[in-house]
Amino acid sequence: MPLIDRLLFSDAVPGLMKKSLNFMSTRQSMISSNISNIDTPGFKASDIDFQAQLRAAIGSKGSLNMRTTSEKHIGPSDSNIMDLAADPFEEDSAAKSNGNNVDIDNEMAKMAENQILYNATVQLMMKRGSTVRSAVTELPQQ
C-alpha cells in the first residue's frame, strides 16, 4: 500500500496527526520562549524532538506496531502514540559571555521549519477528510 494511502486510510492516523500538531504547537511556544529570552543572562535554549519520539512510537520501518486485540482480529495500537509527552532538552550550543546560548539564526530557522511542518500536517488532515467525505457522498474531490 502506498504511503499516501496509509496516511489517508489508517485508523491510527488521526491520533498521530493530532499528537503531531500538539507537539509542534509546544515546540513553537518553546522556540518563541528561546527568542524572547535572547538577552537574558544565563538562559539556556531548549527544544523537543517529537519526530524521533513519533518514529519510535510507530515503529522503525515506518509501519505501525501491531498488537492482537482478540484471536480473530489484529489492529494498530495507537496507545503508544497517545501516551507520548513532550520531552524538552537543553540545547548544547556554545554560550555567549553572559551564559546565554540562544542563537537567533538557529531559532528562526527552527521556527520556519516547524511552521512548514504544522501547515503540511493540517493540509494532510484536510485532504484526508476531503477524501473520506468524497467516498461517502460519491461526489468528486475538491
C-alpha atoms as a PDB file:
ATOM      1  CA  MET A   1       0.000   0.000   0.000  1.00  0.00           C
ATOM      2  CA  PRO A   2       1.495   3.387  -0.983  1.00  0.00           C
ATOM      3  CA  LEU A   3       2.409   5.838   1.761  1.00  0.00           C
ATOM      4  CA  ILE A   4      -0.359   8.280   0.828  1.00  0.00           C
ATOM      5  CA  ASP A   5      -2.972   5.518   1.140  1.00  0.00           C
ATOM      6  CA  ARG A   6      -1.602   4.525   4.548  1.00  0.00           C
ATOM      7  CA  LEU A   7      -1.724   8.173   5.634  1.00  0.00           C
ATOM      8  CA  LEU A   8      -5.251   8.691   4.345  1.00  0.00           C
ATOM      9  CA  PHE A   9      -6.941   5.490   5.473  1.00  0.00           C
ATOM     10  CA  SER A  10      -5.185   4.087   8.544  1.00  0.00           C
ATOM     11  CA  ASP A  11      -7.243   4.240  11.753  1.00  0.00           C
ATOM     12  CA  ALA A  12      -4.214   5.395  13.751  1.00  0.00           C
ATOM     13  CA  VAL A  13      -3.503   8.390  11.527  1.00  0.00           C
ATOM     14  CA  PRO A  14      -5.965  10.889  13.077  1.00  0.00           C
ATOM     15  CA  GLY A  15      -4.447  10.347  16.521  1.00  0.00           C
ATOM     16  CA  LEU A  16      -0.955  10.542  15.093  1.00  0.00           C
ATOM     17  CA  MET A  17      -1.696  13.808  13.294  1.00  0.00           C
ATOM     18  CA  LYS A  18      -3.368  15.297  16.370  1.00  0.00           C
ATOM     19  CA  LYS A  19      -0.384  14.356  18.527  1.00  0.00           C
ATOM     20  CA  SER A  20       1.977  15.815  15.900  1.00  0.00           C
ATOM     21  CA  LEU A  21       0.087  19.108  15.922  1.00  0.00           C
ATOM     22  CA  ASN A  22       0.216  19.203  19.725  1.00  0.00           C
ATOM     23  CA  PHE A  23       3.972  18.602  19.683  1.00  0.00           C
ATOM     24  CA  MET A  24       4.524  21.248  17.012  1.00  0.00           C
ATOM     25  CA  SER A  25       2.447  23.750  18.981  1.00  0.00           C
ATOM     26  CA  THR A  26       4.502  23.019  22.112  1.00  0.00           C
ATOM     27  CA  ARG A  27       7.706  23.349  20.107  1.00  0.00           C
ATOM     28  CA  GLN A  28       6.586  26.691  18.649  1.00  0.00           C
ATOM     29  CA  SER A  29       5.994  28.017  22.166  1.00  0.00           C
ATOM     30  CA  MET A  30       9.397  26.751  23.256  1.00  0.00           C
ATOM     31  CA  ILE A  31      11.133  28.410  20.296  1.00  0.00           C
ATOM     32  CA  SER A  32       9.254  31.661  20.990  1.00  0.00           C
ATOM     33  CA  SER A  33      10.428  31.499  24.603  1.00  0.00           C
ATOM     34  CA  ASN A  34      14.007  30.982  23.450  1.00  0.00           C
ATOM     35  CA  ILE A  35      13.792  34.019  21.165  1.00  0.00           C
ATOM     36  CA  SER A  36      12.180  36.214  23.808  1.00  0.00           C
ATOM     37  CA  ASN A  37      14.988  35.353  26.239  1.00  0.00           C
ATOM     38  CA  ILE A  38      17.816  36.073  23.806  1.00  0.00           C
ATOM     39  CA  ASP A  39      19.276  38.756  26.111  1.00  0.00           C
ATOM     40  CA  THR A  40      18.539  37.028  29.436  1.00  0.00           C
ATOM     41  CA  PRO A  41      21.827  36.220  31.195  1.00  0.00           C
ATOM     42  CA  GLY A  42      22.278  32.509  31.881  1.00  0.00           C
ATOM     43  CA  PHE A  43      19.225  31.449  29.835  1.00  0.00           C
ATOM     44  CA  LYS A  44      19.642  28.082  28.122  1.00  0.00           C
ATOM     45  CA  ALA A  45      17.688  27.397  24.931  1.00  0.00           C
ATOM     46  CA  SER A  46      15.578  24.251  24.902  1.00  0.00           C
ATOM     47  CA  ASP A  47      13.808  22.200  22.249  1.00  0.00           C
ATOM     48  CA  ILE A  48      11.899  18.957  21.784  1.00  0.00           C
ATOM     49  CA  ASP A  49      12.492  16.208  19.242  1.00  0.00           C
ATOM     50  CA  PHE A  50       8.978  14.963  18.641  1.00  0.00           C
ATOM     51  CA  GLN A  51       9.864  13.383  15.296  1.00  0.00           C
ATOM     52  CA  ALA A  52      12.182  10.881  16.961  1.00  0.00           C
ATOM     53  CA  GLN A  53       9.552  10.127  19.599  1.00  0.00           C
ATOM     54  CA  LEU A  54       6.861   9.579  16.960  1.00  0.00           C
ATOM     55  CA  ARG A  55       9.173   7.386  14.867  1.00  0.00           C
ATOM     56  CA  ALA A  56       9.812   5.246  17.928  1.00  0.00           C
ATOM     57  CA  ALA A  57       6.078   5.030  18.672  1.00  0.00           C
ATOM     58  CA  ILE A  58       5.005   3.993  15.168  1.00  0.00           C
ATOM     59  CA  GLY A  59       7.927   1.666  14.531  1.00  0.00           C
ATOM     60  CA  SER A  60      11.317   1.992  12.947  1.00  0.00           C
ATOM     61  CA  LYS A  61      10.268   0.801   9.480  1.00  0.00           C
ATOM     62  CA  GLY A  62       7.535   3.408   9.064  1.00  0.00           C
ATOM     63  CA  SER A  63       4.788   0.872   9.706  1.00  0.00           C
ATOM     64  CA  LEU A  64       2.514   0.792  12.707  1.00  0.00           C
ATOM     65  CA  ASN A  65       3.289  -1.577  15.547  1.00  0.00           C
ATOM     66  CA  MET A  66       0.600  -4.248  15.693  1.00  0.00           C
ATOM     67  CA  ARG A  67      -0.900  -5.990  18.670  1.00  0.00           C
ATOM     68  CA  THR A  68      -3.525  -8.685  18.942  1.00  0.00           C
ATOM     69  CA  THR A  69      -6.776  -7.419  20.452  1.00  0.00           C
ATOM     70  CA  SER A  70      -8.583 -10.722  20.030  1.00  0.00           C
ATOM     71  CA  GLU A  71      -7.799 -14.080  18.465  1.00  0.00           C
ATOM     72  CA  LYS A  72      -9.602 -13.121  15.253  1.00  0.00           C
ATOM     73  CA  HIS A  73      -8.560  -9.513  14.997  1.00  0.00           C
ATOM     74  CA  ILE A  74      -5.301  -7.644  14.628  1.00  0.00           C
ATOM     75  CA  GLY A  75      -5.291  -3.869  14.554  1.00  0.00           C
ATOM     76  CA  PRO A  76      -2.931  -0.974  15.008  1.00  0.00           C
ATOM     77  CA  SER A  77      -2.248   0.141  18.528  1.00  0.00           C
ATOM     78  CA  ASP A  78      -2.326   3.882  18.974  1.00  0.00           C
ATOM     79  CA  SER A  79      -1.980   3.786  22.758  1.00  0.00           C
ATOM     80  CA  ASN A  80       1.795   4.210  22.456  1.00  0.00           C
ATOM     81  CA  ILE A  81       1.187   7.317  20.334  1.00  0.00           C
ATOM     82  CA  MET A  82      -1.346   8.820  22.737  1.00  0.00           C
ATOM     83  CA  ASP A  83       0.980   8.221  25.700  1.00  0.00           C
ATOM     84  CA  LEU A  84       3.747  10.359  24.207  1.00  0.00           C
ATOM     85  CA  ALA A  85       4.583  13.541  26.065  1.00  0.00           C
ATOM     86  CA  ALA A  86       6.871  16.408  25.128  1.00  0.00           C
ATOM     87  CA  ASP A  87      10.353  15.693  26.447  1.00  0.00           C
ATOM     88  CA  PRO A  88      12.248  19.009  26.360  1.00  0.00           C
ATOM     89  CA  PHE A  89      16.016  19.023  26.318  1.00  0.00           C
ATOM     90  CA  GLU A  90      18.544  21.801  26.746  1.00  0.00           C
ATOM     91  CA  GLU A  91      20.405  22.692  23.576  1.00  0.00           C
ATOM     92  CA  ASP A  92      24.145  22.243  23.779  1.00  0.00           C
ATOM     93  CA  SER A  93      25.194  25.176  21.594  1.00  0.00           C
ATOM     94  CA  ALA A  94      28.035  27.426  22.733  1.00  0.00           C
ATOM     95  CA  ALA A  95      27.130  30.041  25.315  1.00  0.00           C
ATOM     96  CA  LYS A  96      27.897  33.727  24.992  1.00  0.00           C
ATOM     97  CA  SER A  97      29.849  35.627  27.631  1.00  0.00           C
ATOM     98  CA  ASN A  98      26.673  36.130  29.715  1.00  0.00           C
ATOM     99  CA  GLY A  99      25.937  32.374  29.771  1.00  0.00           C
ATOM    100  CA  ASN A 100      23.054  32.617  27.298  1.00  0.00           C
ATOM    101  CA  ASN A 101      23.205  30.124  24.421  1.00  0.00           C
ATOM    102  CA  VAL A 102      20.310  31.324  22.216  1.00  0.00           C
ATOM    103  CA  ASP A 103      21.327  31.622  18.546  1.00  0.00           C
ATOM    104  CA  ILE A 104      18.721  33.788  16.803  1.00  0.00           C
ATOM    105  CA  ASP A 105      19.506  32.402  13.326  1.00  0.00           C
ATOM    106  CA  ASN A 106      19.094  28.836  14.527  1.00  0.00           C
ATOM    107  CA  GLU A 107      15.864  29.652  16.380  1.00  0.00           C
ATOM    108  CA  MET A 108      14.358  31.453  13.378  1.00  0.00           C
ATOM    109  CA  ALA A 109      15.225  28.503  11.106  1.00  0.00           C
ATOM    110  CA  LYS A 110      13.615  26.077  13.573  1.00  0.00           C
ATOM    111  CA  MET A 111      10.543  28.293  13.775  1.00  0.00           C
ATOM    112  CA  ALA A 112      10.170  28.365   9.975  1.00  0.00           C
ATOM    113  CA  GLU A 113      10.662  24.599   9.714  1.00  0.00           C
ATOM    114  CA  ASN A 114       8.133  23.972  12.483  1.00  0.00           C
ATOM    115  CA  GLN A 115       5.573  26.245  10.806  1.00  0.00           C
ATOM    116  CA  ILE A 116       6.006  24.450   7.462  1.00  0.00           C
ATOM    117  CA  LEU A 117       5.544  21.053   9.130  1.00  0.00           C
ATOM    118  CA  TYR A 118       2.482  22.295  11.014  1.00  0.00           C
ATOM    119  CA  ASN A 119       0.877  23.659   7.838  1.00  0.00           C
ATOM    120  CA  ALA A 120       1.670  20.455   5.910  1.00  0.00           C
ATOM    121  CA  THR A 121       0.087  18.335   8.645  1.00  0.00           C
ATOM    122  CA  VAL A 122      -3.052  20.496   8.656  1.00  0.00           C
ATOM    123  CA  GLN A 123      -3.242  20.210   4.854  1.00  0.00           C
ATOM    124  CA  LEU A 124      -2.865  16.426   5.076  1.00  0.00           C
ATOM    125  CA  MET A 125      -5.656  16.277   7.671  1.00  0.00           C
ATOM    126  CA  MET A 126      -7.881  18.353   5.388  1.00  0.00           C
ATOM    127  CA  LYS A 127      -7.055  16.124   2.396  1.00  0.00           C
ATOM    128  CA  ARG A 128      -7.857  13.031   4.441  1.00  0.00           C
ATOM    129  CA  GLY A 129     -11.220  14.488   5.433  1.00  0.00           C
ATOM    130  CA  SER A 130     -11.959  15.518   1.858  1.00  0.00           C
ATOM    131  CA  THR A 131     -11.120  12.049   0.548  1.00  0.00           C
ATOM    132  CA  VAL A 132     -13.312  10.314   3.108  1.00  0.00           C
ATOM    133  CA  ARG A 133     -16.138  12.805   2.509  1.00  0.00           C
ATOM    134  CA  SER A 134     -15.908  12.196  -1.260  1.00  0.00           C
ATOM    135  CA  ALA A 135     -16.049   8.451  -0.735  1.00  0.00           C
ATOM    136  CA  VAL A 136     -19.133   8.728   1.463  1.00  0.00           C
ATOM    137  CA  THR A 137     -21.041  11.250  -0.680  1.00  0.00           C
ATOM    138  CA  GLU A 138     -19.753   9.888  -4.015  1.00  0.00           C
ATOM    139  CA  LEU A 139     -19.023  13.445  -5.145  1.00  0.00           C
ATOM    140  CA  PRO A 140     -15.728  14.469  -6.762  1.00  0.00           C
ATOM    141  CA  GLN A 141     -12.977  15.744  -4.501  1.00  0.00           C
ATOM    142  CA  GLN A 142     -12.396  19.476  -4.269  1.00  0.00           C
END
